């Protein structure tokens, strides 16, 4: 068994736990392998990987991003107003 890590919408790595098999299946599908762990066990497995964040019962997941060629187009420049707001 291995720990599968996810990323939050802001890009932080997180361990993910579900409180029931039904919630896991609803988010990841019936083919998702899983084992029962306590929260402390999951945290202990993720900690050596530098992951301290734990997300419980996320309801939205996205498929992995496929590798593709690098984007050659330059990013648009932010306007001074957007730069101050951001």
PDB file of N, CA and C in Angstrom:
ATOM      1  N   UNK A   1       0.829  -1.180   0.000  1.00  0.00           N
ATOM      2  CA  UNK A   1       0.000   0.000   0.000  1.00  0.00           C
ATOM      3  C   UNK A   1       0.878   1.250   0.000  1.00  0.00           C
ATOM      4  N   UNK A   2       0.397   2.287  -0.628  1.00  0.00           N
ATOM      5  CA  UNK A   2       1.092   3.572  -0.658  1.00  0.00           C
ATOM      6  C   UNK A   2       0.104   4.674  -0.325  1.00  0.00           C
ATOM      7  N   UNK A   3       0.629   5.802   0.122  1.00  0.00           N
ATOM      8  CA  UNK A   3      -0.212   6.960   0.392  1.00  0.00           C
ATOM      9  C   UNK A   3      -0.387   7.722  -0.909  1.00  0.00           C
ATOM     10  N   UNK A   4      -1.609   8.008  -1.251  1.00  0.00           N
ATOM     11  CA  UNK A   4      -1.894   8.821  -2.434  1.00  0.00           C
ATOM     12  C   UNK A   4      -2.177  10.228  -1.954  1.00  0.00           C
ATOM     13  N   UNK A   5      -1.363  11.164  -2.424  1.00  0.00           N
ATOM     14  CA  UNK A   5      -1.527  12.553  -2.030  1.00  0.00           C
ATOM     15  C   UNK A   5      -2.266  13.322  -3.108  1.00  0.00           C
ATOM     16  N   UNK A   6      -2.997  14.319  -2.701  1.00  0.00           N
ATOM     17  CA  UNK A   6      -3.749  15.177  -3.597  1.00  0.00           C
ATOM     18  C   UNK A   6      -3.198  16.593  -3.468  1.00  0.00           C
ATOM     19  N   UNK A   7      -3.711  17.492  -4.284  1.00  0.00           N
ATOM     20  CA  UNK A   7      -3.395  18.911  -4.159  1.00  0.00           C
ATOM     21  C   UNK A   7      -4.696  19.666  -3.900  1.00  0.00           C
ATOM     22  N   UNK A   8      -4.591  20.672  -3.048  1.00  0.00           N
ATOM     23  CA  UNK A   8      -5.734  21.539  -2.799  1.00  0.00           C
ATOM     24  C   UNK A   8      -5.905  22.455  -4.002  1.00  0.00           C
ATOM     25  N   UNK A   9      -7.021  23.178  -4.111  1.00  0.00           N
ATOM     26  CA  UNK A   9      -7.191  24.123  -5.225  1.00  0.00           C
ATOM     27  C   UNK A   9      -6.076  25.168  -5.291  1.00  0.00           C
ATOM     28  N   UNK A  10      -5.411  25.450  -4.175  1.00  0.00           N
ATOM     29  CA  UNK A  10      -4.314  26.419  -4.173  1.00  0.00           C
ATOM     30  C   UNK A  10      -2.960  25.761  -4.388  1.00  0.00           C
ATOM     31  N   UNK A  11      -2.931  24.445  -4.571  1.00  0.00           N
ATOM     32  CA  UNK A  11      -1.700  23.750  -4.915  1.00  0.00           C
ATOM     33  C   UNK A  11      -0.949  23.091  -3.776  1.00  0.00           C
ATOM     34  N   UNK A  12      -1.420  23.209  -2.542  1.00  0.00           N
ATOM     35  CA  UNK A  12      -0.743  22.564  -1.413  1.00  0.00           C
ATOM     36  C   UNK A  12      -0.988  21.054  -1.459  1.00  0.00           C
ATOM     37  N   UNK A  13       0.018  20.281  -1.089  1.00  0.00           N
ATOM     38  CA  UNK A  13      -0.156  18.827  -1.028  1.00  0.00           C
ATOM     39  C   UNK A  13      -0.934  18.475   0.236  1.00  0.00           C
ATOM     40  N   UNK A  14      -1.841  17.504   0.102  1.00  0.00           N
ATOM     41  CA  UNK A  14      -2.669  17.090   1.223  1.00  0.00           C
ATOM     42  C   UNK A  14      -2.916  15.584   1.165  1.00  0.00           C
ATOM     43  N   UNK A  15      -2.949  14.965   2.343  1.00  0.00           N
ATOM     44  CA  UNK A  15      -3.440  13.597   2.450  1.00  0.00           C
ATOM     45  C   UNK A  15      -4.964  13.692   2.468  1.00  0.00           C
ATOM     46  N   UNK A  16      -5.627  12.668   1.989  1.00  0.00           N
ATOM     47  CA  UNK A  16      -7.089  12.705   1.913  1.00  0.00           C
ATOM     48  C   UNK A  16      -7.661  11.482   2.609  1.00  0.00           C
ATOM     49  N   UNK A  17      -8.660  11.718   3.439  1.00  0.00           N
ATOM     50  CA  UNK A  17      -9.360  10.635   4.104  1.00  0.00           C
ATOM     51  C   UNK A  17     -10.856  10.783   3.921  1.00  0.00           C
ATOM     52  N   UNK A  18     -11.538   9.662   3.891  1.00  0.00           N
ATOM     53  CA  UNK A  18     -13.006   9.659   3.776  1.00  0.00           C
ATOM     54  C   UNK A  18     -13.584   8.981   5.000  1.00  0.00           C
ATOM     55  N   UNK A  19     -14.707   9.467   5.469  1.00  0.00           N
ATOM     56  CA  UNK A  19     -15.318   8.929   6.677  1.00  0.00           C
ATOM     57  C   UNK A  19     -16.185   7.705   6.417  1.00  0.00           C
ATOM     58  N   UNK A  20     -16.401   7.373   5.136  1.00  0.00           N
ATOM     59  CA  UNK A  20     -17.141   6.152   4.814  1.00  0.00           C
ATOM     60  C   UNK A  20     -16.768   5.710   3.400  1.00  0.00           C
ATOM     61  N   UNK A  21     -16.885   4.401   3.141  1.00  0.00           N
ATOM     62  CA  UNK A  21     -16.628   3.924   1.773  1.00  0.00           C
ATOM     63  C   UNK A  21     -17.569   4.566   0.754  1.00  0.00           C
ATOM     64  N   UNK A  22     -18.798   4.843   1.143  1.00  0.00           N
ATOM     65  CA  UNK A  22     -19.752   5.459   0.215  1.00  0.00           C
ATOM     66  C   UNK A  22     -19.284   6.849  -0.228  1.00  0.00           C
ATOM     67  N   UNK A  23     -18.727   7.617   0.688  1.00  0.00           N
ATOM     68  CA  UNK A  23     -18.230   8.952   0.329  1.00  0.00           C
ATOM     69  C   UNK A  23     -17.019   8.851  -0.586  1.00  0.00           C
ATOM     70  N   UNK A  24     -16.143   7.879  -0.324  1.00  0.00           N
ATOM     71  CA  UNK A  24     -14.986   7.671  -1.196  1.00  0.00           C
ATOM     72  C   UNK A  24     -15.440   7.304  -2.601  1.00  0.00           C
ATOM     73  N   UNK A  25     -16.364   6.368  -2.716  1.00  0.00           N
ATOM     74  CA  UNK A  25     -16.867   5.937  -4.018  1.00  0.00           C
ATOM     75  C   UNK A  25     -17.548   7.093  -4.748  1.00  0.00           C
ATOM     76  N   UNK A  26     -18.302   7.919  -4.040  1.00  0.00           N
ATOM     77  CA  UNK A  26     -18.979   9.051  -4.675  1.00  0.00           C
ATOM     78  C   UNK A  26     -17.981  10.037  -5.268  1.00  0.00           C
ATOM     79  N   UNK A  27     -16.825  10.190  -4.641  1.00  0.00           N
ATOM     80  CA  UNK A  27     -15.835  11.154  -5.130  1.00  0.00           C
ATOM     81  C   UNK A  27     -14.852  10.547  -6.117  1.00  0.00           C
ATOM     82  N   UNK A  28     -14.434   9.304  -5.893  1.00  0.00           N
ATOM     83  CA  UNK A  28     -13.345   8.732  -6.689  1.00  0.00           C
ATOM     84  C   UNK A  28     -13.743   7.539  -7.551  1.00  0.00           C
ATOM     85  N   UNK A  29     -14.957   7.029  -7.386  1.00  0.00           N
ATOM     86  CA  UNK A  29     -15.410   5.910  -8.202  1.00  0.00           C
ATOM     87  C   UNK A  29     -15.220   4.568  -7.522  1.00  0.00           C
ATOM     88  N   UNK A  30     -15.897   3.564  -8.059  1.00  0.00           N
ATOM     89  CA  UNK A  30     -15.903   2.236  -7.447  1.00  0.00           C
ATOM     90  C   UNK A  30     -14.579   1.497  -7.611  1.00  0.00           C
ATOM     91  N   UNK A  31     -13.771   1.869  -8.578  1.00  0.00           N
ATOM     92  CA  UNK A  31     -12.506   1.176  -8.821  1.00  0.00           C
ATOM     93  C   UNK A  31     -11.372   1.668  -7.928  1.00  0.00           C
ATOM     94  N   UNK A  32     -11.609   2.668  -7.085  1.00  0.00           N
ATOM     95  CA  UNK A  32     -10.565   3.242  -6.238  1.00  0.00           C
ATOM     96  C   UNK A  32     -10.212   2.274  -5.108  1.00  0.00           C
ATOM     97  N   UNK A  33      -8.964   1.788  -5.058  1.00  0.00           N
ATOM     98  CA  UNK A  33      -8.597   0.924  -3.934  1.00  0.00           C
ATOM     99  C   UNK A  33      -8.486   1.734  -2.645  1.00  0.00           C
ATOM    100  N   UNK A  34      -8.770   1.094  -1.518  1.00  0.00           N
ATOM    101  CA  UNK A  34      -8.713   1.809  -0.247  1.00  0.00           C
ATOM    102  C   UNK A  34      -8.490   0.827   0.888  1.00  0.00           C
ATOM    103  N   UNK A  35      -8.022   1.359   2.007  1.00  0.00           N
ATOM    104  CA  UNK A  35      -7.911   0.604   3.251  1.00  0.00           C
ATOM    105  C   UNK A  35      -8.415   1.495   4.382  1.00  0.00           C
ATOM    106  N   UNK A  36      -8.794   0.877   5.483  1.00  0.00           N
ATOM    107  CA  UNK A  36      -9.272   1.629   6.646  1.00  0.00           C
ATOM    108  C   UNK A  36      -8.064   2.037   7.489  1.00  0.00           C
ATOM    109  N   UNK A  37      -7.973   3.336   7.810  1.00  0.00           N
ATOM    110  CA  UNK A  37      -6.900   3.868   8.640  1.00  0.00           C
ATOM    111  C   UNK A  37      -7.469   4.853   9.643  1.00  0.00           C
ATOM    112  N   UNK A  38      -6.795   4.991  10.762  1.00  0.00           N
ATOM    113  CA  UNK A  38      -7.147   6.057  11.689  1.00  0.00           C
ATOM    114  C   UNK A  38      -6.529   7.360  11.179  1.00  0.00           C
ATOM    115  N   UNK A  39      -7.036   8.478  11.651  1.00  0.00           N
ATOM    116  CA  UNK A  39      -6.476   9.777  11.266  1.00  0.00           C
ATOM    117  C   UNK A  39      -5.006   9.855  11.642  1.00  0.00           C
ATOM    118  N   UNK A  40      -4.670   9.395  12.832  1.00  0.00           N
ATOM    119  CA  UNK A  40      -3.274   9.475  13.268  1.00  0.00           C
ATOM    120  C   UNK A  40      -2.362   8.618  12.403  1.00  0.00           C
ATOM    121  N   UNK A  41      -2.841   7.479  11.938  1.00  0.00           N
ATOM    122  CA  UNK A  41      -2.037   6.631  11.045  1.00  0.00           C
ATOM    123  C   UNK A  41      -1.807   7.308   9.700  1.00  0.00           C
ATOM    124  N   UNK A  42      -2.847   7.927   9.154  1.00  0.00           N
ATOM    125  CA  UNK A  42      -2.712   8.623   7.880  1.00  0.00           C
ATOM    126  C   UNK A  42      -1.739   9.790   8.011  1.00  0.00           C
ATOM    127  N   UNK A  43      -1.859  10.540   9.081  1.00  0.00           N
ATOM    128  CA  UNK A  43      -0.922  11.655   9.306  1.00  0.00           C
ATOM    129  C   UNK A  43       0.516  11.142   9.448  1.00  0.00           C
ATOM    130  N   UNK A  44       0.697  10.027  10.158  1.00  0.00           N
ATOM    131  CA  UNK A  44       2.033   9.464  10.347  1.00  0.00           C
ATOM    132  C   UNK A  44       2.632   8.988   9.026  1.00  0.00           C
ATOM    133  N   UNK A  45       1.808   8.519   8.118  1.00  0.00           N
ATOM    134  CA  UNK A  45       2.308   8.080   6.811  1.00  0.00           C
ATOM    135  C   UNK A  45       2.660   9.262   5.915  1.00  0.00           C
ATOM    136  N   UNK A  46       1.935  10.353   6.036  1.00  0.00           N
ATOM    137  CA  UNK A  46       2.156  11.518   5.177  1.00  0.00           C
ATOM    138  C   UNK A  46       3.279  12.416   5.686  1.00  0.00           C
ATOM    139  N   UNK A  47       3.501  12.432   6.992  1.00  0.00           N
ATOM    140  CA  UNK A  47       4.487  13.343   7.588  1.00  0.00           C
ATOM    141  C   UNK A  47       5.901  13.179   7.021  1.00  0.00           C
ATOM    142  N   UNK A  48       6.425  11.960   6.851  1.00  0.00           N
ATOM    143  CA  UNK A  48       7.773  11.837   6.290  1.00  0.00           C
ATOM    144  C   UNK A  48       7.884  12.377   4.856  1.00  0.00           C
ATOM    145  N   UNK A  49       6.766  12.545   4.201  1.00  0.00           N
ATOM    146  CA  UNK A  49       6.747  13.091   2.840  1.00  0.00           C
ATOM    147  C   UNK A  49       6.619  14.610   2.850  1.00  0.00           C
ATOM    148  N   UNK A  50       6.623  15.199   4.035  1.00  0.00           N
ATOM    149  CA  UNK A  50       6.522  16.651   4.155  1.00  0.00           C
ATOM    150  C   UNK A  50       5.102  17.175   4.050  1.00  0.00           C
ATOM    151  N   UNK A  51       4.120  16.311   4.267  1.00  0.00           N
ATOM    152  CA  UNK A  51       2.716  16.696   4.147  1.00  0.00           C
ATOM    153  C   UNK A  51       2.080  16.684   5.527  1.00  0.00           C
ATOM    154  N   UNK A  52       1.611  17.847   5.962  1.00  0.00           N
ATOM    155  CA  UNK A  52       0.954  17.928   7.267  1.00  0.00           C
ATOM    156  C   UNK A  52      -0.530  18.246   7.143  1.00  0.00           C
ATOM    157  N   UNK A  53      -0.988  18.577   5.951  1.00  0.00           N
ATOM    158  CA  UNK A  53      -2.392  18.916   5.723  1.00  0.00           C
ATOM    159  C   UNK A  53      -3.204  17.647   5.478  1.00  0.00           C
ATOM    160  N   UNK A  54      -4.374  17.569   6.096  1.00  0.00           N
ATOM    161  CA  UNK A  54      -5.285  16.444   5.912  1.00  0.00           C
ATOM    162  C   UNK A  54      -6.647  16.995   5.505  1.00  0.00           C
ATOM    163  N   UNK A  55      -7.146  16.528   4.387  1.00  0.00           N
ATOM    164  CA  UNK A  55      -8.469  16.919   3.908  1.00  0.00           C
ATOM    165  C   UNK A  55      -9.402  15.739   4.099  1.00  0.00           C
ATOM    166  N   UNK A  56     -10.558  15.981   4.713  1.00  0.00           N
ATOM    167  CA  UNK A  56     -11.517  14.916   4.990  1.00  0.00           C
ATOM    168  C   UNK A  56     -12.761  15.111   4.141  1.00  0.00           C
ATOM    169  N   UNK A  57     -13.172  14.048   3.469  1.00  0.00           N
ATOM    170  CA  UNK A  57     -14.385  13.993   2.655  1.00  0.00           C
ATOM    171  C   UNK A  57     -14.476  15.071   1.574  1.00  0.00           C
ATOM    172  N   UNK A  58     -13.431  15.269   0.767  1.00  0.00           N
ATOM    173  CA  UNK A  58     -13.605  16.229  -0.330  1.00  0.00           C
ATOM    174  C   UNK A  58     -14.644  15.683  -1.308  1.00  0.00           C
ATOM    175  N   UNK A  59     -15.472  16.563  -1.828  1.00  0.00           N
ATOM    176  CA  UNK A  59     -16.543  16.114  -2.720  1.00  0.00           C
ATOM    177  C   UNK A  59     -16.227  16.328  -4.186  1.00  0.00           C
ATOM    178  N   UNK A  60     -15.193  17.107  -4.472  1.00  0.00           N
ATOM    179  CA  UNK A  60     -14.846  17.363  -5.859  1.00  0.00           C
ATOM    180  C   UNK A  60     -13.420  16.928  -6.111  1.00  0.00           C
ATOM    181  N   UNK A  61     -13.218  16.162  -7.159  1.00  0.00           N
ATOM    182  CA  UNK A  61     -11.872  15.800  -7.585  1.00  0.00           C
ATOM    183  C   UNK A  61     -11.799  15.986  -9.089  1.00  0.00           C
ATOM    184  N   UNK A  62     -10.637  16.241  -9.583  1.00  0.00           N
ATOM    185  CA  UNK A  62     -10.422  16.394 -11.017  1.00  0.00           C
ATOM    186  C   UNK A  62      -9.439  15.336 -11.478  1.00  0.00           C
ATOM    187  N   UNK A  63      -9.553  14.901 -12.732  1.00  0.00           N
ATOM    188  CA  UNK A  63      -8.597  13.915 -13.225  1.00  0.00           C
ATOM    189  C   UNK A  63      -7.194  14.502 -13.277  1.00  0.00           C
ATOM    190  N   UNK A  64      -6.206  13.628 -13.258  1.00  0.00           N
ATOM    191  CA  UNK A  64      -4.818  14.078 -13.347  1.00  0.00           C
ATOM    192  C   UNK A  64      -4.596  14.820 -14.657  1.00  0.00           C
ATOM    193  N   UNK A  65      -3.758  15.823 -14.604  1.00  0.00           N
ATOM    194  CA  UNK A  65      -3.440  16.599 -15.792  1.00  0.00           C
ATOM    195  C   UNK A  65      -2.456  15.814 -16.637  1.00  0.00           C
ATOM    196  N   UNK A  66      -2.771  15.666 -17.904  1.00  0.00           N
ATOM    197  CA  UNK A  66      -1.884  14.951 -18.817  1.00  0.00           C
ATOM    198  C   UNK A  66      -0.708  15.842 -19.181  1.00  0.00           C
ATOM    199  N   UNK A  67       0.457  15.226 -19.281  1.00  0.00           N
ATOM    200  CA  UNK A  67       1.641  15.990 -19.681  1.00  0.00           C
ATOM    201  C   UNK A  67       1.500  16.393 -21.140  1.00  0.00           C
ATOM    202  N   UNK A  68       1.894  17.581 -21.445  1.00  0.00           N
ATOM    203  CA  UNK A  68       1.810  18.073 -22.815  1.00  0.00           C
ATOM    204  C   UNK A  68       2.991  18.961 -23.117  1.00  0.00           C
ATOM    205  N   UNK A  69       3.046  19.467 -24.324  1.00  0.00           N
ATOM    206  CA  UNK A  69       4.169  20.339 -24.670  1.00  0.00           C
ATOM    207  C   UNK A  69       4.093  21.646 -23.891  1.00  0.00           C
ATOM    208  N   UNK A  70       5.239  22.272 -23.625  1.00  0.00           N
ATOM    209  CA  UNK A  70       5.217  23.552 -22.922  1.00  0.00           C
ATOM    210  C   UNK A  70       4.486  24.614 -23.728  1.00  0.00           C
ATOM    211  N   UNK A  71       3.859  25.523 -23.015  1.00  0.00           N
ATOM    212  CA  UNK A  71       3.138  26.610 -23.664  1.00  0.00           C
ATOM    213  C   UNK A  71       4.144  27.683 -24.065  1.00  0.00           C
ATOM    214  N   UNK A  72       4.137  28.069 -25.355  1.00  0.00           N
ATOM    215  CA  UNK A  72       5.112  29.033 -25.853  1.00  0.00           C
ATOM    216  C   UNK A  72       4.609  30.465 -25.758  1.00  0.00           C
ATOM    217  N   UNK A  73       3.296  30.639 -25.653  1.00  0.00           N
ATOM    218  CA  UNK A  73       2.752  31.994 -25.636  1.00  0.00           C
ATOM    219  C   UNK A  73       3.057  32.668 -24.304  1.00  0.00           C
ATOM    220  N   UNK A  74       3.473  33.934 -24.321  1.00  0.00           N
ATOM    221  CA  UNK A  74       3.749  34.626 -23.061  1.00  0.00           C
ATOM    222  C   UNK A  74       2.457  34.915 -22.313  1.00  0.00           C
ATOM    223  N   UNK A  75       2.566  34.987 -21.006  1.00  0.00           N
ATOM    224  CA  UNK A  75       1.404  35.336 -20.188  1.00  0.00           C
ATOM    225  C   UNK A  75       1.083  36.813 -20.360  1.00  0.00           C
ATOM    226  N   UNK A  76      -0.189  37.182 -20.340  1.00  0.00           N
ATOM    227  CA  UNK A  76      -0.539  38.605 -20.456  1.00  0.00           C
ATOM    228  C   UNK A  76      -0.057  39.369 -19.243  1.00  0.00           C
ATOM    229  N   UNK A  77       0.296  40.608 -19.451  1.00  0.00           N
ATOM    230  CA  UNK A  77       0.752  41.465 -18.350  1.00  0.00           C
ATOM    231  C   UNK A  77      -0.459  41.929 -17.545  1.00  0.00           C
ATOM    232  N   UNK A  78      -0.324  41.937 -16.218  1.00  0.00           N
ATOM    233  CA  UNK A  78      -1.402  42.402 -15.358  1.00  0.00           C
ATOM    234  C   UNK A  78      -1.456  43.911 -15.386  1.00  0.00           C
ATOM    235  N   UNK A  79      -2.655  44.445 -15.327  1.00  0.00           N
ATOM    236  CA  UNK A  79      -2.792  45.895 -15.280  1.00  0.00           C
ATOM    237  C   UNK A  79      -2.383  46.380 -13.900  1.00  0.00           C
ATOM    238  N   UNK A  80      -1.981  47.638 -13.737  1.00  0.00           N
ATOM    239  CA  UNK A  80      -1.591  48.142 -12.417  1.00  0.00           C
ATOM    240  C   UNK A  80      -2.695  47.996 -11.386  1.00  0.00           C
ATOM    241  N   UNK A  81      -3.949  48.133 -11.787  1.00  0.00           N
ATOM    242  CA  UNK A  81      -5.059  48.011 -10.823  1.00  0.00           C
ATOM    243  C   UNK A  81      -5.166  46.555 -10.352  1.00  0.00           C
ATOM    244  N   UNK A  82      -5.102  45.612 -11.283  1.00  0.00           N
ATOM    245  CA  UNK A  82      -5.191  44.190 -10.903  1.00  0.00           C
ATOM    246  C   UNK A  82      -4.026  43.805 -10.016  1.00  0.00           C
ATOM    247  N   UNK A  83      -2.847  44.340 -10.286  1.00  0.00           N
ATOM    248  CA  UNK A  83      -1.677  44.005  -9.481  1.00  0.00           C
ATOM    249  C   UNK A  83      -1.852  44.469  -8.054  1.00  0.00           C
ATOM    250  N   UNK A  84      -2.471  45.636  -7.869  1.00  0.00           N
ATOM    251  CA  UNK A  84      -2.665  46.152  -6.510  1.00  0.00           C
ATOM    252  C   UNK A  84      -3.736  45.342  -5.767  1.00  0.00           C
ATOM    253  N   UNK A  85      -4.769  44.937  -6.473  1.00  0.00           N
ATOM    254  CA  UNK A  85      -5.858  44.183  -5.850  1.00  0.00           C
ATOM    255  C   UNK A  85      -5.382  42.797  -5.486  1.00  0.00           C
ATOM    256  N   UNK A  86      -4.646  42.166  -6.372  1.00  0.00           N
ATOM    257  CA  UNK A  86      -4.180  40.790  -6.138  1.00  0.00           C
ATOM    258  C   UNK A  86      -3.153  40.834  -5.074  1.00  0.00           C
TER     259      UNK A  86
END
